[in-house]
């Protein structure tokens, strides 16, 4: 039987899912995410019917049986964990309707599901040196140095760079506001003194200069339509007038890579920065600074530190030396 067929539910299950689906829409989840979460919960409710259980009476041991059922069906740890997340959300919704509802999937997760981190973390001194020595001859260079500073000192994501607005730069307070999303938290992060000077110059002179350049004809490929109103609201945009920074960052890192082959991309820098923070701040502080909604996301980078330490121990352990 195809997987699509398993997502065809009877009227009773569809009725049970209707309120959950409406709540997800109110929280502005994407249509594909809503469909996936409802499908996962629907599969769970189907299993309960076969086991002659009602969702209101499910307890921890029942959830363990459901996990065993999924694993026996050959489902991966990641898929099972995704189902558990959806089931937790379903019970949270039910608890909002009735506070007496018990959430049997609370804190339930299969261990051993690893998310790959970018390889080749960079030493933080190397990153600071990269920023200090970055050339700033042209308008493009000066813009890129401000971007590079935010990557190195605040560990922002490329999406956060793209959504940033001039008003998010609070230079008098020496900080920047990073706008959160459904997946990341909002936060205020301190700017380094050199960043304040560079950013001030960018806002007053460089950015207005780039805005003037966007309307000029040039041989390079430009967006079919320049949304002038939108790019005026954005902190960063391309010389060609695109609010999408994908090509901008691609060219920036291509140039950096020529002089510094060890530097790959923005994800590698962010990973290096978070790993560096964990050496100097506690886990909760780093969770806030990185914008992680869940502390487990931050702990992955902590594991990255442990893996490096283990590598050093294996390399320099006396028994290892004797075997050489």
C-alpha atoms as a PDB file:
ATOM      1  CA  UNK A   1       0.000   0.000   0.000  1.00  0.00           C
ATOM      2  CA  UNK A   2       1.362   3.442  -0.885  1.00  0.00           C
ATOM      3  CA  UNK A   3       2.248   5.989   1.788  1.00  0.00           C
ATOM      4  CA  UNK A   4      -0.327   8.410   0.370  1.00  0.00           C
ATOM      5  CA  UNK A   5      -3.069   5.838   1.057  1.00  0.00           C
ATOM      6  CA  UNK A   6      -2.107   5.708   4.756  1.00  0.00           C
ATOM      7  CA  UNK A   7      -2.976   9.413   4.980  1.00  0.00           C
ATOM      8  CA  UNK A   8      -6.622   8.797   4.113  1.00  0.00           C
ATOM      9  CA  UNK A   9      -8.471   9.010   7.422  1.00  0.00           C
ATOM     10  CA  UNK A  10     -12.021   8.174   8.449  1.00  0.00           C
ATOM     11  CA  UNK A  11     -14.537  10.925   9.329  1.00  0.00           C
ATOM     12  CA  UNK A  12     -13.978  10.523  13.096  1.00  0.00           C
ATOM     13  CA  UNK A  13     -10.236  11.160  12.781  1.00  0.00           C
ATOM     14  CA  UNK A  14     -10.760  14.058  10.368  1.00  0.00           C
ATOM     15  CA  UNK A  15     -13.165  15.641  12.848  1.00  0.00           C
ATOM     16  CA  UNK A  16     -10.600  15.218  15.621  1.00  0.00           C
ATOM     17  CA  UNK A  17      -7.930  16.867  13.444  1.00  0.00           C
ATOM     18  CA  UNK A  18     -10.082  19.827  12.364  1.00  0.00           C
ATOM     19  CA  UNK A  19      -9.464  21.976  15.444  1.00  0.00           C
ATOM     20  CA  UNK A  20      -5.744  21.174  15.463  1.00  0.00           C
ATOM     21  CA  UNK A  21      -5.514  22.151  11.784  1.00  0.00           C
ATOM     22  CA  UNK A  22      -7.273  25.470  12.495  1.00  0.00           C
ATOM     23  CA  UNK A  23      -4.883  26.260  15.335  1.00  0.00           C
ATOM     24  CA  UNK A  24      -1.873  25.637  13.108  1.00  0.00           C
ATOM     25  CA  UNK A  25      -3.335  27.992  10.507  1.00  0.00           C
ATOM     26  CA  UNK A  26      -3.847  30.673  13.160  1.00  0.00           C
ATOM     27  CA  UNK A  27      -0.178  30.306  14.098  1.00  0.00           C
ATOM     28  CA  UNK A  28       0.673  30.888  10.416  1.00  0.00           C
ATOM     29  CA  UNK A  29       2.363  27.574   9.749  1.00  0.00           C
ATOM     30  CA  UNK A  30       3.025  26.859   6.091  1.00  0.00           C
ATOM     31  CA  UNK A  31       0.371  24.757   4.332  1.00  0.00           C
ATOM     32  CA  UNK A  32       2.855  21.921   3.746  1.00  0.00           C
ATOM     33  CA  UNK A  33       3.804  21.898   7.450  1.00  0.00           C
ATOM     34  CA  UNK A  34       0.157  21.837   8.525  1.00  0.00           C
ATOM     35  CA  UNK A  35      -0.542  18.949   6.164  1.00  0.00           C
ATOM     36  CA  UNK A  36       2.470  17.002   7.443  1.00  0.00           C
ATOM     37  CA  UNK A  37       1.664  17.517  11.135  1.00  0.00           C
ATOM     38  CA  UNK A  38      -1.957  16.526  10.640  1.00  0.00           C
ATOM     39  CA  UNK A  39      -0.910  13.439   8.663  1.00  0.00           C
ATOM     40  CA  UNK A  40       1.450  12.354  11.453  1.00  0.00           C
ATOM     41  CA  UNK A  41      -1.193  12.874  14.134  1.00  0.00           C
ATOM     42  CA  UNK A  42      -3.740  11.106  11.919  1.00  0.00           C
ATOM     43  CA  UNK A  43      -1.451   8.055  11.716  1.00  0.00           C
ATOM     44  CA  UNK A  44      -1.198   8.092  15.496  1.00  0.00           C
ATOM     45  CA  UNK A  45      -4.993   8.253  15.867  1.00  0.00           C
ATOM     46  CA  UNK A  46      -5.335   5.381  13.365  1.00  0.00           C
ATOM     47  CA  UNK A  47      -2.985   3.290  15.486  1.00  0.00           C
ATOM     48  CA  UNK A  48      -5.001   4.131  18.606  1.00  0.00           C
ATOM     49  CA  UNK A  49      -8.168   2.878  16.889  1.00  0.00           C
ATOM     50  CA  UNK A  50      -6.503  -0.423  16.054  1.00  0.00           C
ATOM     51  CA  UNK A  51      -5.329  -0.733  19.653  1.00  0.00           C
ATOM     52  CA  UNK A  52      -8.798   0.271  20.902  1.00  0.00           C
ATOM     53  CA  UNK A  53      -7.377   3.238  22.793  1.00  0.00           C
ATOM     54  CA  UNK A  54      -8.777   6.759  23.095  1.00  0.00           C
ATOM     55  CA  UNK A  55      -6.390   9.688  22.792  1.00  0.00           C
ATOM     56  CA  UNK A  56      -7.659  11.135  26.096  1.00  0.00           C
ATOM     57  CA  UNK A  57      -6.488   8.053  27.989  1.00  0.00           C
ATOM     58  CA  UNK A  58      -3.085   7.504  26.380  1.00  0.00           C
ATOM     59  CA  UNK A  59      -0.180   7.296  28.824  1.00  0.00           C
ATOM     60  CA  UNK A  60       3.608   7.102  28.600  1.00  0.00           C
ATOM     61  CA  UNK A  61       3.730   3.309  28.195  1.00  0.00           C
ATOM     62  CA  UNK A  62       1.231   3.520  25.338  1.00  0.00           C
ATOM     63  CA  UNK A  63       3.534   6.004  23.613  1.00  0.00           C
ATOM     64  CA  UNK A  64       6.414   3.565  23.959  1.00  0.00           C
ATOM     65  CA  UNK A  65       4.270   0.924  22.238  1.00  0.00           C
ATOM     66  CA  UNK A  66       3.534   3.396  19.431  1.00  0.00           C
ATOM     67  CA  UNK A  67       7.268   4.042  19.014  1.00  0.00           C
ATOM     68  CA  UNK A  68       7.898   0.288  18.828  1.00  0.00           C
ATOM     69  CA  UNK A  69       5.166   0.019  16.192  1.00  0.00           C
ATOM     70  CA  UNK A  70       6.827   2.738  14.085  1.00  0.00           C
ATOM     71  CA  UNK A  71      10.287   1.212  14.425  1.00  0.00           C
ATOM     72  CA  UNK A  72       8.969  -2.236  13.444  1.00  0.00           C
ATOM     73  CA  UNK A  73       7.542  -0.600  10.306  1.00  0.00           C
ATOM     74  CA  UNK A  74      11.089   0.434   9.437  1.00  0.00           C
ATOM     75  CA  UNK A  75      10.649   4.140  10.154  1.00  0.00           C
ATOM     76  CA  UNK A  76      13.819   6.141  10.830  1.00  0.00           C
ATOM     77  CA  UNK A  77      14.539   7.823  14.158  1.00  0.00           C
ATOM     78  CA  UNK A  78      14.091  11.196  12.502  1.00  0.00           C
ATOM     79  CA  UNK A  79      10.650  10.288  11.161  1.00  0.00           C
ATOM     80  CA  UNK A  80       9.526   8.906  14.527  1.00  0.00           C
ATOM     81  CA  UNK A  81      10.766  12.047  16.294  1.00  0.00           C
ATOM     82  CA  UNK A  82       8.899  14.204  13.778  1.00  0.00           C
ATOM     83  CA  UNK A  83       5.745  12.246  14.567  1.00  0.00           C
ATOM     84  CA  UNK A  84       6.324  12.689  18.302  1.00  0.00           C
ATOM     85  CA  UNK A  85       6.724  16.457  17.845  1.00  0.00           C
ATOM     86  CA  UNK A  86       3.424  16.599  15.988  1.00  0.00           C
ATOM     87  CA  UNK A  87       1.689  14.488  18.637  1.00  0.00           C
ATOM     88  CA  UNK A  88       3.040  16.780  21.372  1.00  0.00           C
ATOM     89  CA  UNK A  89       1.593  19.737  19.473  1.00  0.00           C
ATOM     90  CA  UNK A  90      -1.761  17.974  19.178  1.00  0.00           C
ATOM     91  CA  UNK A  91      -1.896  17.377  22.931  1.00  0.00           C
ATOM     92  CA  UNK A  92      -0.825  20.963  23.641  1.00  0.00           C
ATOM     93  CA  UNK A  93      -3.771  22.099  21.543  1.00  0.00           C
ATOM     94  CA  UNK A  94      -6.124  19.776  23.439  1.00  0.00           C
ATOM     95  CA  UNK A  95      -4.738  21.040  26.751  1.00  0.00           C
ATOM     96  CA  UNK A  96      -5.591  24.612  25.735  1.00  0.00           C
ATOM     97  CA  UNK A  97      -9.174  23.457  25.272  1.00  0.00           C
ATOM     98  CA  UNK A  98      -9.179  21.425  28.493  1.00  0.00           C
ATOM     99  CA  UNK A  99      -6.410  22.042  31.108  1.00  0.00           C
ATOM    100  CA  UNK A 100      -6.990  18.601  32.628  1.00  0.00           C
ATOM    101  CA  UNK A 101      -5.655  16.882  29.483  1.00  0.00           C
ATOM    102  CA  UNK A 102      -2.396  14.987  30.038  1.00  0.00           C
ATOM    103  CA  UNK A 103       0.338  15.175  27.378  1.00  0.00           C
ATOM    104  CA  UNK A 104       1.873  11.667  27.211  1.00  0.00           C
ATOM    105  CA  UNK A 105       4.437  12.704  24.575  1.00  0.00           C
ATOM    106  CA  UNK A 106       5.928  15.494  26.674  1.00  0.00           C
ATOM    107  CA  UNK A 107       9.753  15.318  26.625  1.00  0.00           C
ATOM    108  CA  UNK A 108       9.555  12.022  24.716  1.00  0.00           C
ATOM    109  CA  UNK A 109      12.234  11.751  22.047  1.00  0.00           C
ATOM    110  CA  UNK A 110      14.361   8.980  20.564  1.00  0.00           C
ATOM    111  CA  UNK A 111      18.030   9.615  21.262  1.00  0.00           C
ATOM    112  CA  UNK A 112      20.685   9.074  18.651  1.00  0.00           C
ATOM    113  CA  UNK A 113      19.267  11.347  15.949  1.00  0.00           C
ATOM    114  CA  UNK A 114      22.162  13.547  14.914  1.00  0.00           C
ATOM    115  CA  UNK A 115      22.032  16.687  12.820  1.00  0.00           C
ATOM    116  CA  UNK A 116      25.207  17.234  10.881  1.00  0.00           C
ATOM    117  CA  UNK A 117      27.052  20.436  11.726  1.00  0.00           C
ATOM    118  CA  UNK A 118      29.233  22.264   9.200  1.00  0.00           C
ATOM    119  CA  UNK A 119      32.704  20.713   9.220  1.00  0.00           C
ATOM    120  CA  UNK A 120      35.988  22.537   9.574  1.00  0.00           C
ATOM    121  CA  UNK A 121      35.336  25.022  12.361  1.00  0.00           C
ATOM    122  CA  UNK A 122      37.568  28.075  12.216  1.00  0.00           C
ATOM    123  CA  UNK A 123      39.633  29.503  15.054  1.00  0.00           C
ATOM    124  CA  UNK A 124      37.997  32.694  16.329  1.00  0.00           C
ATOM    125  CA  UNK A 125      41.269  34.639  16.064  1.00  0.00           C
ATOM    126  CA  UNK A 126      41.334  33.721  12.376  1.00  0.00           C
ATOM    127  CA  UNK A 127      37.826  35.105  11.945  1.00  0.00           C
ATOM    128  CA  UNK A 128      38.670  38.373  13.702  1.00  0.00           C
ATOM    129  CA  UNK A 129      41.774  38.743  11.555  1.00  0.00           C
ATOM    130  CA  UNK A 130      39.677  38.093   8.452  1.00  0.00           C
ATOM    131  CA  UNK A 131      37.343  40.932   9.444  1.00  0.00           C
ATOM    132  CA  UNK A 132      40.155  43.368  10.345  1.00  0.00           C
ATOM    133  CA  UNK A 133      41.999  42.791   7.061  1.00  0.00           C
ATOM    134  CA  UNK A 134      38.962  42.753   4.776  1.00  0.00           C
ATOM    135  CA  UNK A 135      39.418  45.206   1.907  1.00  0.00           C
ATOM    136  CA  UNK A 136      36.891  48.032   1.598  1.00  0.00           C
ATOM    137  CA  UNK A 137      37.735  49.860  -1.618  1.00  0.00           C
ATOM    138  CA  UNK A 138      34.337  49.857  -3.348  1.00  0.00           C
ATOM    139  CA  UNK A 139      30.749  50.323  -2.176  1.00  0.00           C
ATOM    140  CA  UNK A 140      30.311  46.572  -2.512  1.00  0.00           C
ATOM    141  CA  UNK A 141      33.377  45.899  -0.336  1.00  0.00           C
ATOM    142  CA  UNK A 142      32.193  48.305   2.372  1.00  0.00           C
ATOM    143  CA  UNK A 143      28.751  46.698   2.433  1.00  0.00           C
ATOM    144  CA  UNK A 144      30.293  43.236   2.587  1.00  0.00           C
ATOM    145  CA  UNK A 145      32.490  44.192   5.532  1.00  0.00           C
ATOM    146  CA  UNK A 146      29.416  45.164   7.559  1.00  0.00           C
ATOM    147  CA  UNK A 147      27.809  41.833   6.588  1.00  0.00           C
ATOM    148  CA  UNK A 148      30.977  39.938   7.516  1.00  0.00           C
ATOM    149  CA  UNK A 149      31.075  41.655  10.894  1.00  0.00           C
ATOM    150  CA  UNK A 150      27.533  40.536  11.703  1.00  0.00           C
ATOM    151  CA  UNK A 151      28.418  36.970  10.713  1.00  0.00           C
ATOM    152  CA  UNK A 152      31.587  36.907  12.815  1.00  0.00           C
ATOM    153  CA  UNK A 153      30.625  38.902  15.899  1.00  0.00           C
ATOM    154  CA  UNK A 154      26.891  38.203  16.171  1.00  0.00           C
ATOM    155  CA  UNK A 155      26.701  34.794  14.436  1.00  0.00           C
ATOM    156  CA  UNK A 156      23.606  35.752  12.433  1.00  0.00           C
ATOM    157  CA  UNK A 157      22.071  33.482   9.820  1.00  0.00           C
ATOM    158  CA  UNK A 158      21.777  34.428   6.158  1.00  0.00           C
ATOM    159  CA  UNK A 159      18.007  34.645   6.559  1.00  0.00           C
ATOM    160  CA  UNK A 160      18.412  37.114   9.422  1.00  0.00           C
ATOM    161  CA  UNK A 161      20.737  39.221   7.285  1.00  0.00           C
ATOM    162  CA  UNK A 162      18.152  39.285   4.534  1.00  0.00           C
ATOM    163  CA  UNK A 163      15.334  40.395   6.855  1.00  0.00           C
ATOM    164  CA  UNK A 164      17.391  43.051   8.634  1.00  0.00           C
ATOM    165  CA  UNK A 165      16.246  46.676   8.459  1.00  0.00           C
ATOM    166  CA  UNK A 166      18.215  49.907   9.068  1.00  0.00           C
ATOM    167  CA  UNK A 167      16.104  50.576  12.174  1.00  0.00           C
ATOM    168  CA  UNK A 168      17.377  47.360  13.744  1.00  0.00           C
ATOM    169  CA  UNK A 169      20.789  48.999  14.117  1.00  0.00           C
ATOM    170  CA  UNK A 170      20.721  50.803  17.470  1.00  0.00           C
ATOM    171  CA  UNK A 171      24.135  52.415  17.221  1.00  0.00           C
ATOM    172  CA  UNK A 172      23.692  54.817  20.157  1.00  0.00           C
ATOM    173  CA  UNK A 173      23.087  51.811  22.395  1.00  0.00           C
ATOM    174  CA  UNK A 174      25.835  49.853  20.650  1.00  0.00           C
ATOM    175  CA  UNK A 175      23.598  46.937  19.786  1.00  0.00           C
ATOM    176  CA  UNK A 176      21.619  45.314  16.975  1.00  0.00           C
ATOM    177  CA  UNK A 177      18.148  43.812  17.100  1.00  0.00           C
ATOM    178  CA  UNK A 178      17.815  40.416  15.411  1.00  0.00           C
ATOM    179  CA  UNK A 179      14.219  39.767  14.431  1.00  0.00           C
ATOM    180  CA  UNK A 180      12.935  36.318  15.307  1.00  0.00           C
ATOM    181  CA  UNK A 181      10.825  33.948  13.262  1.00  0.00           C
ATOM    182  CA  UNK A 182       8.708  30.920  14.041  1.00  0.00           C
ATOM    183  CA  UNK A 183      11.926  28.906  14.198  1.00  0.00           C
ATOM    184  CA  UNK A 184      14.316  31.427  15.790  1.00  0.00           C
ATOM    185  CA  UNK A 185      14.124  33.783  18.748  1.00  0.00           C
ATOM    186  CA  UNK A 186      14.399  37.575  18.699  1.00  0.00           C
ATOM    187  CA  UNK A 187      17.402  39.002  20.503  1.00  0.00           C
ATOM    188  CA  UNK A 188      19.558  42.060  21.120  1.00  0.00           C
ATOM    189  CA  UNK A 189      23.295  41.586  20.618  1.00  0.00           C
ATOM    190  CA  UNK A 190      26.135  43.958  21.390  1.00  0.00           C
ATOM    191  CA  UNK A 191      28.137  45.439  18.522  1.00  0.00           C
ATOM    192  CA  UNK A 192      31.909  45.691  18.625  1.00  0.00           C
ATOM    193  CA  UNK A 193      33.294  49.284  18.574  1.00  0.00           C
ATOM    194  CA  UNK A 194      34.765  48.817  15.086  1.00  0.00           C
ATOM    195  CA  UNK A 195      31.389  47.558  13.860  1.00  0.00           C
ATOM    196  CA  UNK A 196      29.650  50.702  15.096  1.00  0.00           C
ATOM    197  CA  UNK A 197      31.969  52.903  13.024  1.00  0.00           C
ATOM    198  CA  UNK A 198      31.665  50.733   9.911  1.00  0.00           C
ATOM    199  CA  UNK A 199      27.883  50.465  10.231  1.00  0.00           C
ATOM    200  CA  UNK A 200      27.468  54.208  10.789  1.00  0.00           C
ATOM    201  CA  UNK A 201      29.447  54.907   7.600  1.00  0.00           C
ATOM    202  CA  UNK A 202      27.420  52.274   5.748  1.00  0.00           C
ATOM    203  CA  UNK A 203      24.078  53.781   6.755  1.00  0.00           C
ATOM    204  CA  UNK A 204      25.093  57.380   6.061  1.00  0.00           C
ATOM    205  CA  UNK A 205      27.107  57.032   2.855  1.00  0.00           C
ATOM    206  CA  UNK A 206      27.516  53.528   1.467  1.00  0.00           C
ATOM    207  CA  UNK A 207      23.901  52.351   1.492  1.00  0.00           C
ATOM    208  CA  UNK A 208      22.562  55.561  -0.146  1.00  0.00           C
ATOM    209  CA  UNK A 209      25.312  55.158  -2.769  1.00  0.00           C
ATOM    210  CA  UNK A 210      24.233  51.579  -3.503  1.00  0.00           C
ATOM    211  CA  UNK A 211      20.596  52.714  -3.769  1.00  0.00           C
ATOM    212  CA  UNK A 212      21.643  55.162  -6.503  1.00  0.00           C
ATOM    213  CA  UNK A 213      23.540  52.391  -8.315  1.00  0.00           C
ATOM    214  CA  UNK A 214      20.537  50.064  -8.473  1.00  0.00           C
ATOM    215  CA  UNK A 215      18.889  52.042 -11.267  1.00  0.00           C
ATOM    216  CA  UNK A 216      21.928  52.212 -13.528  1.00  0.00           C
ATOM    217  CA  UNK A 217      22.361  49.952 -16.543  1.00  0.00           C
ATOM    218  CA  UNK A 218      25.275  47.538 -16.406  1.00  0.00           C
ATOM    219  CA  UNK A 219      26.305  44.388 -18.266  1.00  0.00           C
ATOM    220  CA  UNK A 220      25.799  42.217 -15.194  1.00  0.00           C
ATOM    221  CA  UNK A 221      22.479  40.406 -14.869  1.00  0.00           C
ATOM    222  CA  UNK A 222      19.871  42.329 -12.882  1.00  0.00           C
ATOM    223  CA  UNK A 223      16.521  41.308 -11.438  1.00  0.00           C
ATOM    224  CA  UNK A 224      13.696  41.456 -13.964  1.00  0.00           C
ATOM    225  CA  UNK A 225      11.858  43.858 -11.689  1.00  0.00           C
ATOM    226  CA  UNK A 226      13.450  45.982  -8.948  1.00  0.00           C
ATOM    227  CA  UNK A 227      11.168  46.447  -5.967  1.00  0.00           C
ATOM    228  CA  UNK A 228      12.461  49.883  -4.951  1.00  0.00           C
ATOM    229  CA  UNK A 229      10.028  50.166  -2.065  1.00  0.00           C
ATOM    230  CA  UNK A 230      11.154  46.857  -0.593  1.00  0.00           C
ATOM    231  CA  UNK A 231      14.908  47.416  -0.887  1.00  0.00           C
ATOM    232  CA  UNK A 232      14.567  50.823   0.790  1.00  0.00           C
ATOM    233  CA  UNK A 233      13.251  48.927   3.825  1.00  0.00           C
ATOM    234  CA  UNK A 234      16.116  46.416   3.794  1.00  0.00           C
ATOM    235  CA  UNK A 235      19.473  46.867   5.443  1.00  0.00           C
ATOM    236  CA  UNK A 236      21.274  44.950   2.708  1.00  0.00           C
ATOM    237  CA  UNK A 237      20.592  44.376  -0.995  1.00  0.00           C
ATOM    238  CA  UNK A 238      22.618  43.746  -4.107  1.00  0.00           C
ATOM    239  CA  UNK A 239      24.129  46.403  -6.364  1.00  0.00           C
ATOM    240  CA  UNK A 240      21.744  45.142  -9.041  1.00  0.00           C
ATOM    241  CA  UNK A 241      18.745  45.877  -6.840  1.00  0.00           C
ATOM    242  CA  UNK A 242      17.863  42.391  -5.616  1.00  0.00           C
ATOM    243  CA  UNK A 243      16.648  41.909  -2.060  1.00  0.00           C
ATOM    244  CA  UNK A 244      17.836  38.289  -2.280  1.00  0.00           C
ATOM    245  CA  UNK A 245      21.363  38.080  -0.847  1.00  0.00           C
ATOM    246  CA  UNK A 246      22.136  34.592  -2.188  1.00  0.00           C
ATOM    247  CA  UNK A 247      24.300  35.802  -5.101  1.00  0.00           C
ATOM    248  CA  UNK A 248      25.815  38.589  -2.980  1.00  0.00           C
ATOM    249  CA  UNK A 249      27.049  36.125  -0.364  1.00  0.00           C
ATOM    250  CA  UNK A 250      28.135  33.622  -3.006  1.00  0.00           C
ATOM    251  CA  UNK A 251      30.419  36.184  -4.657  1.00  0.00           C
ATOM    252  CA  UNK A 252      31.658  37.485  -1.308  1.00  0.00           C
ATOM    253  CA  UNK A 253      32.722  34.046  -0.089  1.00  0.00           C
ATOM    254  CA  UNK A 254      34.175  33.142  -3.473  1.00  0.00           C
ATOM    255  CA  UNK A 255      36.518  36.119  -3.174  1.00  0.00           C
ATOM    256  CA  UNK A 256      37.322  35.350   0.472  1.00  0.00           C
ATOM    257  CA  UNK A 257      38.042  31.719  -0.386  1.00  0.00           C
ATOM    258  CA  UNK A 258      40.731  32.730  -2.889  1.00  0.00           C
ATOM    259  CA  UNK A 259      42.821  34.339  -0.141  1.00  0.00           C
ATOM    260  CA  UNK A 260      41.606  32.085   2.691  1.00  0.00           C
ATOM    261  CA  UNK A 261      40.819  28.586   1.329  1.00  0.00           C
ATOM    262  CA  UNK A 262      39.777  27.397   4.804  1.00  0.00           C
ATOM    263  CA  UNK A 263      36.785  29.785   4.824  1.00  0.00           C
ATOM    264  CA  UNK A 264      33.804  28.185   3.071  1.00  0.00           C
ATOM    265  CA  UNK A 265      30.487  29.875   3.810  1.00  0.00           C
ATOM    266  CA  UNK A 266      28.250  31.652   6.319  1.00  0.00           C
ATOM    267  CA  UNK A 267      27.108  28.395   7.959  1.00  0.00           C
ATOM    268  CA  UNK A 268      30.711  27.463   8.751  1.00  0.00           C
ATOM    269  CA  UNK A 269      31.306  30.883  10.327  1.00  0.00           C
ATOM    270  CA  UNK A 270      28.138  30.644  12.435  1.00  0.00           C
ATOM    271  CA  UNK A 271      29.105  27.173  13.639  1.00  0.00           C
ATOM    272  CA  UNK A 272      32.575  28.444  14.563  1.00  0.00           C
ATOM    273  CA  UNK A 273      31.138  31.439  16.418  1.00  0.00           C
ATOM    274  CA  UNK A 274      28.643  29.401  18.462  1.00  0.00           C
ATOM    275  CA  UNK A 275      31.365  26.876  19.328  1.00  0.00           C
ATOM    276  CA  UNK A 276      33.552  29.797  20.474  1.00  0.00           C
ATOM    277  CA  UNK A 277      30.729  31.272  22.571  1.00  0.00           C
ATOM    278  CA  UNK A 278      30.246  27.969  24.389  1.00  0.00           C
ATOM    279  CA  UNK A 279      33.804  28.248  25.695  1.00  0.00           C
ATOM    280  CA  UNK A 280      33.034  31.604  27.346  1.00  0.00           C
ATOM    281  CA  UNK A 281      29.307  31.645  28.203  1.00  0.00           C
ATOM    282  CA  UNK A 282      26.868  29.227  29.774  1.00  0.00           C
ATOM    283  CA  UNK A 283      24.518  27.142  27.682  1.00  0.00           C
ATOM    284  CA  UNK A 284      21.429  29.320  28.210  1.00  0.00           C
ATOM    285  CA  UNK A 285      23.310  32.501  27.333  1.00  0.00           C
ATOM    286  CA  UNK A 286      24.527  30.955  24.084  1.00  0.00           C
ATOM    287  CA  UNK A 287      21.032  29.671  23.323  1.00  0.00           C
ATOM    288  CA  UNK A 288      19.781  33.279  23.506  1.00  0.00           C
ATOM    289  CA  UNK A 289      22.705  34.723  21.537  1.00  0.00           C
ATOM    290  CA  UNK A 290      22.282  32.127  18.774  1.00  0.00           C
ATOM    291  CA  UNK A 291      18.500  32.596  18.615  1.00  0.00           C
ATOM    292  CA  UNK A 292      17.819  28.912  19.238  1.00  0.00           C
ATOM    293  CA  UNK A 293      14.252  28.122  20.307  1.00  0.00           C
ATOM    294  CA  UNK A 294      15.382  24.862  21.911  1.00  0.00           C
ATOM    295  CA  UNK A 295      18.437  24.299  24.071  1.00  0.00           C
ATOM    296  CA  UNK A 296      19.018  20.980  22.282  1.00  0.00           C
ATOM    297  CA  UNK A 297      19.957  22.980  19.171  1.00  0.00           C
ATOM    298  CA  UNK A 298      22.709  24.699  21.161  1.00  0.00           C
ATOM    299  CA  UNK A 299      23.860  21.442  22.736  1.00  0.00           C
ATOM    300  CA  UNK A 300      24.729  20.122  19.264  1.00  0.00           C
ATOM    301  CA  UNK A 301      27.536  22.678  19.111  1.00  0.00           C
ATOM    302  CA  UNK A 302      28.598  21.669  22.599  1.00  0.00           C
ATOM    303  CA  UNK A 303      28.943  18.139  21.258  1.00  0.00           C
ATOM    304  CA  UNK A 304      31.085  19.605  18.478  1.00  0.00           C
ATOM    305  CA  UNK A 305      33.484  20.830  21.174  1.00  0.00           C
ATOM    306  CA  UNK A 306      33.528  17.395  22.825  1.00  0.00           C
ATOM    307  CA  UNK A 307      34.248  15.670  19.523  1.00  0.00           C
ATOM    308  CA  UNK A 308      37.267  17.933  18.983  1.00  0.00           C
ATOM    309  CA  UNK A 309      38.525  17.255  22.508  1.00  0.00           C
ATOM    310  CA  UNK A 310      38.116  13.520  21.996  1.00  0.00           C
ATOM    311  CA  UNK A 311      40.124  13.779  18.798  1.00  0.00           C
ATOM    312  CA  UNK A 312      42.935  15.543  20.623  1.00  0.00           C
ATOM    313  CA  UNK A 313      42.912  12.935  23.412  1.00  0.00           C
ATOM    314  CA  UNK A 314      43.112  10.106  20.907  1.00  0.00           C
ATOM    315  CA  UNK A 315      45.899  11.850  19.022  1.00  0.00           C
ATOM    316  CA  UNK A 316      48.093  12.606  22.015  1.00  0.00           C
ATOM    317  CA  UNK A 317      47.191   9.807  24.423  1.00  0.00           C
ATOM    318  CA  UNK A 318      50.355   7.886  25.556  1.00  0.00           C
ATOM    319  CA  UNK A 319      48.935   4.573  24.367  1.00  0.00           C
ATOM    320  CA  UNK A 320      48.258   6.076  20.965  1.00  0.00           C
ATOM    321  CA  UNK A 321      51.808   7.393  20.833  1.00  0.00           C
ATOM    322  CA  UNK A 322      53.208   3.949  21.643  1.00  0.00           C
ATOM    323  CA  UNK A 323      51.250   2.392  18.797  1.00  0.00           C
ATOM    324  CA  UNK A 324      52.864   4.676  16.226  1.00  0.00           C
END
